Protein backbone atom coordinates (compact mmCIF):
# COMPACT_ATOMS: atom_id res chain seq x y z
CA MET A 1 -28.01 29.00 -157.19
CA SER A 2 -31.17 28.66 -155.24
CA LEU A 3 -31.81 29.18 -151.58
CA LYS A 4 -32.44 25.44 -151.38
CA HIS A 5 -28.87 24.70 -152.40
CA ALA A 6 -27.44 27.44 -150.19
CA ILE A 7 -29.13 25.82 -147.18
CA LEU A 8 -28.07 22.30 -148.19
CA ALA A 9 -24.49 23.53 -148.66
CA THR A 10 -24.55 25.19 -145.24
CA LEU A 11 -25.88 22.05 -143.57
CA SER A 12 -23.29 19.88 -145.32
CA ARG A 13 -20.76 21.23 -142.81
CA LYS A 14 -22.68 20.50 -139.59
CA PRO A 15 -26.22 20.37 -138.12
CA GLN A 16 -27.57 23.84 -137.29
CA SER A 17 -30.70 25.63 -136.12
CA GLY A 18 -32.56 27.94 -138.49
CA TYR A 19 -30.98 30.93 -136.77
CA GLU A 20 -27.50 29.42 -137.10
CA ILE A 21 -28.14 28.66 -140.77
CA ALA A 22 -29.13 32.29 -141.36
CA LYS A 23 -25.97 33.50 -139.60
CA SER A 24 -23.82 31.03 -141.56
CA ILE A 25 -25.30 32.24 -144.82
CA GLU A 26 -24.81 35.88 -143.84
CA GLY A 27 -21.19 35.31 -142.85
CA GLY A 28 -20.16 33.03 -145.69
CA ILE A 29 -22.36 32.33 -148.67
CA GLY A 30 -24.05 35.69 -147.97
CA PHE A 31 -21.29 37.44 -149.90
CA PHE A 32 -22.78 35.77 -152.98
CA TRP A 33 -26.34 34.86 -152.02
CA LYS A 34 -28.77 36.89 -149.90
CA ALA A 35 -31.82 35.60 -148.08
CA SER A 36 -33.95 36.86 -145.22
CA HIS A 37 -34.58 34.80 -142.09
CA GLN A 38 -38.21 34.46 -143.18
CA GLN A 39 -37.16 33.01 -146.55
CA ILE A 40 -34.77 30.60 -144.85
CA TYR A 41 -37.37 29.29 -142.38
CA LYS A 42 -39.92 28.83 -145.17
CA GLU A 43 -37.37 26.93 -147.26
CA LEU A 44 -36.40 24.75 -144.28
CA GLY A 45 -40.01 23.55 -144.09
CA THR A 46 -40.03 22.79 -147.80
CA LEU A 47 -36.71 20.94 -147.65
CA GLU A 48 -37.87 18.87 -144.70
CA ALA A 49 -41.11 18.00 -146.52
CA LEU A 50 -39.01 16.85 -149.50
CA GLY A 51 -36.97 14.64 -147.16
CA TYR A 52 -33.73 16.53 -147.83
CA LEU A 53 -33.21 17.28 -144.16
CA VAL A 54 -34.49 16.26 -140.77
CA HIS A 55 -34.64 18.09 -137.47
CA LYS A 56 -34.60 17.27 -133.81
CA ASP A 57 -35.89 19.48 -131.03
CA VAL A 58 -33.14 20.58 -128.65
CA GLU A 59 -34.12 21.89 -125.23
CA GLN A 60 -32.54 25.15 -124.06
CA ASP A 61 -32.29 26.45 -120.49
CA ASP A 62 -33.46 30.02 -121.02
CA ALA A 63 -35.44 29.73 -124.24
CA PRO A 64 -37.96 27.50 -125.97
CA ALA A 65 -36.67 24.34 -127.65
CA LYS A 66 -34.99 24.93 -130.97
CA LYS A 67 -35.04 22.81 -134.11
CA VAL A 68 -31.60 21.64 -135.17
CA TYR A 69 -31.52 20.52 -138.81
CA ARG A 70 -29.16 18.07 -140.42
CA LEU A 71 -28.75 16.94 -143.98
CA ALA A 72 -30.51 13.69 -144.82
CA LYS A 73 -28.99 11.23 -147.32
CA SER A 74 -31.43 12.45 -149.96
CA GLY A 75 -30.35 16.05 -149.25
CA LEU A 76 -26.70 15.14 -149.75
CA LYS A 77 -27.66 13.33 -152.94
CA GLU A 78 -29.53 16.44 -154.18
CA LEU A 79 -26.59 18.69 -153.30
CA SER A 80 -24.18 16.34 -155.10
CA ARG A 81 -26.46 16.24 -158.16
CA TRP A 82 -26.64 20.03 -158.20
CA ILE A 83 -22.86 20.47 -157.87
CA VAL A 84 -22.19 18.64 -161.14
CA GLU A 85 -25.17 20.04 -163.04
CA ASP A 86 -24.52 22.67 -165.69
CA THR A 87 -24.77 26.13 -164.15
CA SER A 88 -25.50 29.05 -166.38
CA SER A 89 -23.41 32.12 -165.79
CA ALA A 90 -24.93 34.40 -163.20
CA LEU A 91 -26.07 37.81 -164.26
CA ILE A 92 -24.43 40.81 -162.69
CA ARG A 93 -27.09 42.39 -160.49
CA ASP A 94 -25.62 45.67 -159.43
CA PRO A 95 -27.96 48.67 -159.27
CA PHE A 96 -24.97 50.99 -159.47
CA LEU A 97 -24.36 49.80 -163.04
CA ILE A 98 -27.82 51.04 -164.03
CA LYS A 99 -26.99 54.42 -162.48
CA ILE A 100 -23.82 54.61 -164.56
CA PHE A 101 -25.75 53.49 -167.65
CA VAL A 102 -27.95 56.60 -167.39
CA GLY A 103 -25.39 58.79 -165.66
CA HIS A 104 -25.50 61.36 -168.44
CA LEU A 105 -28.82 62.56 -166.99
CA VAL A 106 -27.28 64.11 -163.86
CA ASP A 107 -24.33 66.24 -162.86
CA PRO A 108 -21.17 64.08 -162.80
CA LYS A 109 -20.50 65.32 -159.24
CA GLU A 110 -23.63 63.51 -158.05
CA ILE A 111 -22.41 60.24 -159.53
CA LEU A 112 -18.95 60.83 -158.04
CA GLU A 113 -20.55 61.20 -154.61
CA ALA A 114 -22.53 57.98 -155.06
CA LEU A 115 -19.39 56.26 -156.36
CA GLY A 116 -17.51 57.32 -153.23
CA GLN A 117 -20.18 55.82 -150.98
CA TYR A 118 -20.30 52.64 -153.01
CA ARG A 119 -16.48 52.46 -153.01
CA GLN A 120 -16.45 52.55 -149.19
CA LYS A 121 -18.73 49.51 -149.09
CA ARG A 122 -16.55 47.63 -151.57
CA VAL A 123 -13.38 48.49 -149.66
CA ALA A 124 -15.05 47.19 -146.47
CA THR A 125 -16.00 43.98 -148.28
CA LEU A 126 -12.45 43.56 -149.58
CA GLU A 127 -11.09 44.11 -146.08
CA ARG A 128 -13.48 41.48 -144.67
CA PHE A 129 -12.41 38.93 -147.29
CA GLU A 130 -8.74 39.66 -146.65
CA ALA A 131 -9.29 39.32 -142.89
CA ILE A 132 -11.06 35.98 -143.43
CA GLN A 133 -8.19 34.81 -145.59
CA ARG A 134 -5.60 35.82 -142.99
CA GLN A 135 -7.57 34.24 -140.13
CA TYR A 136 -8.59 30.93 -141.69
CA PHE A 137 -6.47 30.37 -144.80
CA ALA A 138 -3.03 31.73 -143.92
CA LYS A 139 -1.33 28.40 -144.69
CA PRO A 140 -3.32 27.02 -147.65
CA LYS A 141 -1.13 23.93 -148.15
CA ASP A 142 -1.81 22.81 -144.57
CA LEU A 143 -5.59 23.11 -144.81
CA PRO A 144 -8.01 20.17 -144.92
CA LEU A 145 -9.60 19.64 -148.33
CA GLU A 146 -12.92 21.27 -147.34
CA MET A 147 -11.15 24.48 -146.36
CA LYS A 148 -9.05 24.49 -149.54
CA PHE A 149 -12.29 24.66 -151.51
CA GLN A 150 -13.61 27.42 -149.24
CA ASN A 151 -10.37 29.34 -149.75
CA LEU A 152 -11.00 29.32 -153.50
CA VAL A 153 -14.29 31.13 -152.87
CA VAL A 154 -12.63 33.68 -150.59
CA LYS A 155 -9.96 34.29 -153.26
CA ARG A 156 -12.72 34.90 -155.82
CA GLY A 157 -14.36 37.39 -153.46
CA ILE A 158 -11.05 39.24 -153.09
CA SER A 159 -10.53 39.25 -156.84
CA HIS A 160 -14.06 40.47 -157.48
CA ALA A 161 -13.75 43.32 -154.97
CA ARG A 162 -10.36 44.39 -156.34
CA ASN A 163 -11.68 44.26 -159.90
CA TRP A 164 -14.66 46.44 -158.96
CA LEU A 165 -12.36 48.97 -157.29
CA GLU A 166 -10.16 49.12 -160.41
CA TRP A 167 -13.27 49.73 -162.50
CA ALA A 168 -14.37 52.43 -160.03
CA ASP A 169 -11.02 54.18 -160.53
CA GLU A 170 -11.73 54.23 -164.27
CA VAL A 171 -15.25 55.58 -163.72
CA GLU A 172 -13.94 58.26 -161.36
CA GLU A 173 -11.27 59.35 -163.86
CA PHE A 174 -13.91 59.57 -166.61
CA LEU A 175 -16.35 61.54 -164.45
CA GLU A 176 -13.66 63.98 -163.34
CA SER A 177 -12.75 64.63 -166.98
CA LEU A 178 -16.29 65.77 -167.84
CA PRO A 179 -17.10 69.46 -167.91
CA THR A 180 -19.35 70.74 -165.15
CA PRO A 181 -22.82 71.37 -166.62
CA PRO A 182 -24.10 74.95 -166.51
CA SER A 183 -26.44 75.78 -163.65
């Protein structure tokens, strides 16, 4: 996935300002794709130059006018093309895995401490996904088609977080079985 497609996907739902796009990405796609506000604004300029989106200036009472972007027909066409294109499997980019890979170099207690901190973040992520599912997808059969697809992504996020926590249990059990190195 590229930032281009993350932005096009976000705008496929409704027109938004750059700030709103950044917040939408953080609160939704951001579980799977990260981008800074600076990257988003730069990409918006590129996408507009390509004709994939257009903007209109919207006056605000207490602030300067903001640009509200919407998907152009060519942007929808690009997004549709990308959806059906072959997507190679994403690599797992988790710095904690590298720490485990070379974990033999430090006292297992240090890795256990890091694992505990990392576990807290994963539990928080799982709780957020479960809260989203309860709030928006409680009755999946009654949902409009768009939300049924979004629910599939939330379910994957829940599964991924649970799977990581199961793996963390295995790592913790292994680390606790190791002898404490001499001082």
